[in-house]
N, C-alpha and C. Protein backbone atom coordinates (compact mmCIF):
# COMPACT_ATOMS: atom_id res chain seq x y z
N PHE A 1 -75.88 -31.64 0.98
CA PHE A 1 -75.50 -32.16 2.28
C PHE A 1 -74.30 -33.08 2.16
N LEU A 2 -74.33 -33.98 1.20
CA LEU A 2 -73.21 -34.90 1.03
C LEU A 2 -71.92 -34.16 0.74
N ALA A 3 -71.96 -33.27 -0.25
CA ALA A 3 -70.76 -32.53 -0.64
C ALA A 3 -70.25 -31.66 0.50
N ALA A 4 -71.16 -31.06 1.26
CA ALA A 4 -70.79 -30.19 2.37
C ALA A 4 -70.03 -30.96 3.45
N ASN A 5 -70.28 -32.26 3.54
CA ASN A 5 -69.60 -33.09 4.54
C ASN A 5 -68.47 -33.92 3.94
N GLY A 6 -68.19 -33.68 2.66
CA GLY A 6 -67.11 -34.40 2.01
C GLY A 6 -67.45 -35.85 1.67
N TRP A 7 -68.74 -36.15 1.52
CA TRP A 7 -69.18 -37.50 1.22
C TRP A 7 -69.74 -37.57 -0.20
N ASN A 8 -69.74 -38.76 -0.75
CA ASN A 8 -70.32 -39.02 -2.06
C ASN A 8 -71.15 -40.29 -1.99
N ALA A 9 -72.17 -40.37 -2.84
CA ALA A 9 -72.92 -41.63 -2.96
C ALA A 9 -71.96 -42.70 -3.48
N GLN A 10 -72.07 -43.88 -2.96
CA GLN A 10 -71.18 -44.98 -3.33
C GLN A 10 -71.86 -45.86 -4.38
N LYS A 11 -71.38 -45.80 -5.60
CA LYS A 11 -71.96 -46.61 -6.67
C LYS A 11 -71.85 -48.10 -6.35
N LYS A 12 -70.81 -48.49 -5.61
CA LYS A 12 -70.65 -49.91 -5.29
C LYS A 12 -71.79 -50.43 -4.41
N PHE A 13 -72.48 -49.53 -3.72
CA PHE A 13 -73.61 -49.93 -2.89
C PHE A 13 -74.93 -49.79 -3.64
N GLY A 14 -74.89 -49.29 -4.87
CA GLY A 14 -76.11 -49.11 -5.66
C GLY A 14 -77.03 -48.08 -5.04
N GLN A 15 -76.47 -47.02 -4.50
CA GLN A 15 -77.26 -46.04 -3.77
C GLN A 15 -78.10 -45.16 -4.69
N ASN A 16 -79.38 -45.14 -4.38
CA ASN A 16 -80.33 -44.24 -5.00
C ASN A 16 -81.13 -43.63 -3.86
N PHE A 17 -81.44 -42.37 -3.96
CA PHE A 17 -82.08 -41.69 -2.84
C PHE A 17 -83.51 -41.30 -3.17
N LEU A 18 -84.42 -41.68 -2.31
CA LEU A 18 -85.81 -41.31 -2.43
C LEU A 18 -85.96 -39.92 -1.81
N ILE A 19 -86.30 -38.93 -2.64
CA ILE A 19 -86.38 -37.56 -2.13
C ILE A 19 -87.70 -36.88 -2.50
N ASP A 20 -88.56 -37.54 -3.24
CA ASP A 20 -89.82 -36.96 -3.68
C ASP A 20 -90.86 -37.05 -2.55
N PRO A 21 -91.23 -35.92 -1.92
CA PRO A 21 -92.16 -35.96 -0.79
C PRO A 21 -93.48 -36.68 -1.07
N PRO A 22 -94.12 -36.48 -2.23
CA PRO A 22 -95.36 -37.23 -2.46
C PRO A 22 -95.14 -38.75 -2.49
N SER A 23 -94.02 -39.19 -3.03
CA SER A 23 -93.73 -40.63 -3.04
C SER A 23 -93.51 -41.16 -1.63
N ILE A 24 -92.80 -40.40 -0.83
CA ILE A 24 -92.57 -40.79 0.56
C ILE A 24 -93.89 -40.89 1.31
N GLN A 25 -94.74 -39.88 1.16
CA GLN A 25 -96.06 -39.89 1.82
C GLN A 25 -96.88 -41.08 1.37
N PHE A 26 -96.85 -41.40 0.08
CA PHE A 26 -97.59 -42.54 -0.45
C PHE A 26 -97.12 -43.84 0.20
N ILE A 27 -95.82 -44.01 0.30
CA ILE A 27 -95.27 -45.23 0.90
C ILE A 27 -95.71 -45.34 2.36
N ILE A 28 -95.59 -44.27 3.10
CA ILE A 28 -95.95 -44.28 4.52
C ILE A 28 -97.44 -44.55 4.69
N GLN A 29 -98.28 -43.82 3.97
CA GLN A 29 -99.73 -44.00 4.09
C GLN A 29 -100.16 -45.40 3.67
N SER A 30 -99.50 -45.94 2.66
CA SER A 30 -99.83 -47.29 2.19
C SER A 30 -99.43 -48.36 3.21
N SER A 31 -98.42 -48.08 4.02
CA SER A 31 -97.95 -49.08 4.98
C SER A 31 -98.75 -49.10 6.27
N VAL A 32 -99.43 -48.01 6.59
CA VAL A 32 -100.11 -47.90 7.88
C VAL A 32 -101.07 -49.06 8.16
N PRO A 33 -101.90 -49.49 7.22
CA PRO A 33 -102.80 -50.61 7.55
C PRO A 33 -102.07 -51.90 7.93
N TYR A 34 -100.84 -52.07 7.47
CA TYR A 34 -100.09 -53.28 7.75
C TYR A 34 -99.32 -53.23 9.06
N ILE A 35 -99.19 -52.05 9.62
CA ILE A 35 -98.39 -51.92 10.84
C ILE A 35 -99.17 -51.30 12.00
N GLU A 36 -100.49 -51.38 11.94
CA GLU A 36 -101.30 -50.76 12.99
C GLU A 36 -101.12 -51.41 14.36
N ALA A 37 -100.92 -52.70 14.38
CA ALA A 37 -100.75 -53.40 15.66
C ALA A 37 -99.46 -52.93 16.33
N PRO A 38 -99.51 -52.61 17.62
CA PRO A 38 -98.33 -52.06 18.30
C PRO A 38 -97.14 -53.03 18.37
N GLU A 39 -97.38 -54.32 18.23
CA GLU A 39 -96.27 -55.28 18.30
C GLU A 39 -95.52 -55.43 16.97
N ILE A 40 -96.00 -54.79 15.93
CA ILE A 40 -95.34 -54.86 14.62
C ILE A 40 -94.02 -54.10 14.67
N GLU A 41 -92.98 -54.71 14.14
CA GLU A 41 -91.67 -54.07 14.03
C GLU A 41 -91.36 -53.84 12.56
N ILE A 42 -90.55 -52.83 12.28
CA ILE A 42 -90.22 -52.43 10.92
C ILE A 42 -88.73 -52.60 10.69
N ALA A 43 -88.37 -53.05 9.50
CA ALA A 43 -86.95 -53.10 9.10
C ALA A 43 -86.78 -52.27 7.85
N GLU A 44 -85.77 -51.41 7.84
CA GLU A 44 -85.44 -50.62 6.66
C GLU A 44 -84.00 -50.91 6.29
N ILE A 45 -83.80 -51.30 5.05
CA ILE A 45 -82.46 -51.61 4.56
C ILE A 45 -81.99 -50.45 3.69
N GLY A 46 -80.88 -49.85 4.10
CA GLY A 46 -80.34 -48.71 3.36
C GLY A 46 -81.03 -47.41 3.75
N ILE A 47 -80.75 -46.92 4.95
CA ILE A 47 -81.46 -45.74 5.45
C ILE A 47 -80.96 -44.44 4.83
N GLY A 48 -79.76 -44.44 4.30
CA GLY A 48 -79.26 -43.25 3.61
C GLY A 48 -79.36 -42.00 4.47
N LEU A 49 -79.90 -40.94 3.89
CA LEU A 49 -80.03 -39.67 4.61
C LEU A 49 -81.28 -39.61 5.49
N GLY A 50 -82.11 -40.63 5.44
CA GLY A 50 -83.27 -40.69 6.32
C GLY A 50 -84.55 -40.12 5.76
N SER A 51 -84.61 -39.87 4.47
CA SER A 51 -85.83 -39.29 3.88
C SER A 51 -87.06 -40.14 4.14
N LEU A 52 -86.90 -41.44 4.10
CA LEU A 52 -87.99 -42.36 4.41
C LEU A 52 -87.93 -42.79 5.88
N THR A 53 -86.74 -42.83 6.43
CA THR A 53 -86.53 -43.31 7.79
C THR A 53 -87.27 -42.45 8.82
N TYR A 54 -87.14 -41.14 8.73
CA TYR A 54 -87.79 -40.27 9.71
C TYR A 54 -89.30 -40.45 9.74
N PRO A 55 -90.00 -40.45 8.59
CA PRO A 55 -91.44 -40.70 8.65
C PRO A 55 -91.79 -42.09 9.18
N ILE A 56 -90.96 -43.09 8.88
CA ILE A 56 -91.21 -44.43 9.41
C ILE A 56 -91.09 -44.40 10.93
N LEU A 57 -90.04 -43.77 11.44
CA LEU A 57 -89.83 -43.74 12.89
C LEU A 57 -90.90 -42.95 13.61
N GLN A 58 -91.51 -42.01 12.95
CA GLN A 58 -92.59 -41.24 13.56
C GLN A 58 -93.85 -42.08 13.76
N LEU A 59 -93.88 -43.28 13.19
CA LEU A 59 -95.00 -44.19 13.41
C LEU A 59 -94.89 -44.89 14.77
N ASN A 60 -93.80 -44.63 15.48
CA ASN A 60 -93.57 -45.14 16.83
C ASN A 60 -93.61 -46.66 16.92
N ARG A 61 -92.89 -47.29 16.04
CA ARG A 61 -92.73 -48.74 16.06
C ARG A 61 -91.25 -49.05 16.26
N LYS A 62 -90.99 -50.18 16.89
CA LYS A 62 -89.60 -50.61 16.98
C LYS A 62 -89.09 -50.78 15.56
N SER A 63 -87.95 -50.19 15.27
CA SER A 63 -87.42 -50.20 13.91
C SER A 63 -85.99 -50.70 13.89
N HIS A 64 -85.72 -51.58 12.94
CA HIS A 64 -84.40 -52.15 12.72
C HIS A 64 -83.85 -51.48 11.46
N LEU A 65 -82.78 -50.73 11.62
CA LEU A 65 -82.22 -49.93 10.54
C LEU A 65 -80.89 -50.51 10.09
N PHE A 66 -80.79 -50.84 8.82
CA PHE A 66 -79.58 -51.44 8.26
C PHE A 66 -78.92 -50.45 7.33
N GLU A 67 -77.63 -50.27 7.50
CA GLU A 67 -76.88 -49.36 6.61
C GLU A 67 -75.46 -49.89 6.48
N ILE A 68 -74.96 -49.89 5.25
CA ILE A 68 -73.61 -50.38 4.97
C ILE A 68 -72.60 -49.24 4.80
N ASP A 69 -73.06 -48.07 4.44
CA ASP A 69 -72.18 -46.94 4.14
C ASP A 69 -71.80 -46.23 5.45
N THR A 70 -70.50 -46.13 5.72
CA THR A 70 -70.04 -45.55 6.98
C THR A 70 -70.48 -44.09 7.17
N ALA A 71 -70.61 -43.34 6.08
CA ALA A 71 -71.06 -41.95 6.21
C ALA A 71 -72.48 -41.90 6.76
N TYR A 72 -73.35 -42.76 6.26
CA TYR A 72 -74.74 -42.75 6.72
C TYR A 72 -74.88 -43.41 8.09
N ILE A 73 -73.98 -44.31 8.40
CA ILE A 73 -73.97 -44.88 9.75
C ILE A 73 -73.67 -43.76 10.75
N GLN A 74 -72.70 -42.90 10.42
CA GLN A 74 -72.37 -41.77 11.30
C GLN A 74 -73.57 -40.84 11.48
N ILE A 75 -74.26 -40.56 10.40
CA ILE A 75 -75.45 -39.70 10.48
C ILE A 75 -76.49 -40.35 11.39
N ALA A 76 -76.71 -41.64 11.20
CA ALA A 76 -77.71 -42.35 12.01
C ALA A 76 -77.33 -42.32 13.49
N GLU A 77 -76.07 -42.56 13.77
CA GLU A 77 -75.63 -42.55 15.18
C GLU A 77 -75.77 -41.17 15.80
N ARG A 78 -75.49 -40.15 15.03
CA ARG A 78 -75.51 -38.78 15.53
C ARG A 78 -76.92 -38.19 15.58
N GLU A 79 -77.76 -38.55 14.63
CA GLU A 79 -79.07 -37.91 14.51
C GLU A 79 -80.24 -38.83 14.87
N ILE A 80 -80.35 -39.94 14.16
CA ILE A 80 -81.53 -40.78 14.28
C ILE A 80 -81.62 -41.47 15.63
N LEU A 81 -80.56 -42.12 16.05
CA LEU A 81 -80.61 -42.87 17.30
C LEU A 81 -80.85 -41.98 18.50
N GLN A 82 -80.41 -40.74 18.43
CA GLN A 82 -80.62 -39.80 19.53
C GLN A 82 -82.09 -39.40 19.66
N LYS A 83 -82.78 -39.30 18.53
CA LYS A 83 -84.17 -38.83 18.52
C LYS A 83 -85.19 -39.96 18.65
N PHE A 84 -84.83 -41.15 18.22
CA PHE A 84 -85.78 -42.27 18.19
C PHE A 84 -85.19 -43.46 18.94
N GLN A 85 -85.51 -43.54 20.21
CA GLN A 85 -84.95 -44.56 21.08
C GLN A 85 -85.42 -45.97 20.71
N GLN A 86 -86.52 -46.08 19.98
CA GLN A 86 -87.05 -47.38 19.60
C GLN A 86 -86.36 -47.95 18.36
N SER A 87 -85.35 -47.26 17.86
CA SER A 87 -84.65 -47.74 16.66
C SER A 87 -83.34 -48.42 17.05
N ILE A 88 -83.00 -49.44 16.27
CA ILE A 88 -81.76 -50.18 16.45
C ILE A 88 -81.00 -50.12 15.13
N LEU A 89 -79.75 -49.70 15.18
CA LEU A 89 -78.93 -49.60 13.98
C LEU A 89 -78.05 -50.84 13.85
N TYR A 90 -78.04 -51.41 12.65
CA TYR A 90 -77.20 -52.55 12.32
C TYR A 90 -76.22 -52.11 11.24
N PRO A 91 -75.03 -51.67 11.62
CA PRO A 91 -74.04 -51.28 10.60
C PRO A 91 -73.55 -52.50 9.84
N GLY A 92 -73.35 -52.34 8.55
CA GLY A 92 -72.80 -53.42 7.74
C GLY A 92 -73.81 -53.97 6.76
N ASP A 93 -73.50 -55.11 6.21
CA ASP A 93 -74.30 -55.76 5.18
C ASP A 93 -75.58 -56.33 5.78
N ALA A 94 -76.72 -55.86 5.30
CA ALA A 94 -78.02 -56.30 5.83
C ALA A 94 -78.22 -57.80 5.67
N LEU A 95 -77.79 -58.35 4.56
CA LEU A 95 -78.01 -59.78 4.34
C LEU A 95 -77.33 -60.64 5.40
N SER A 96 -76.21 -60.20 5.90
CA SER A 96 -75.52 -60.97 6.93
C SER A 96 -76.00 -60.61 8.34
N ARG A 97 -76.75 -59.53 8.47
CA ARG A 97 -77.16 -59.07 9.80
C ARG A 97 -78.63 -59.27 10.10
N LEU A 98 -79.44 -59.63 9.10
CA LEU A 98 -80.87 -59.80 9.31
C LEU A 98 -81.19 -60.84 10.39
N ILE A 99 -80.35 -61.82 10.54
CA ILE A 99 -80.61 -62.87 11.54
C ILE A 99 -80.50 -62.34 12.96
N GLU A 100 -79.98 -61.13 13.14
CA GLU A 100 -79.83 -60.56 14.48
C GLU A 100 -81.13 -59.96 15.02
N ILE A 101 -82.13 -59.80 14.17
CA ILE A 101 -83.40 -59.25 14.65
C ILE A 101 -84.03 -60.27 15.57
N LYS A 102 -84.36 -59.79 16.76
CA LYS A 102 -84.99 -60.67 17.76
C LYS A 102 -86.38 -60.23 18.04
């Protein structure tokens, strides 16, 4: 996908991609007891291609998505935000933008 769009992982961002479906399922299933209350909001830093993001958003919680890489910001704007209205994208450095969560 990255090569097809002329993009590369950015070593300067320390990008590693979670792509193992059993690991993703384990993370999601393990988080459910902590986010059962409907008022719980989720923050994900470094959404990348969305391998973990999509299952998180399917939990139907307000989600704060942080991404610094412009390629993945474009994907999020084009794909994720259109499908999941309860998500908010914060482009840029998460450490400087975390205070914007209300």
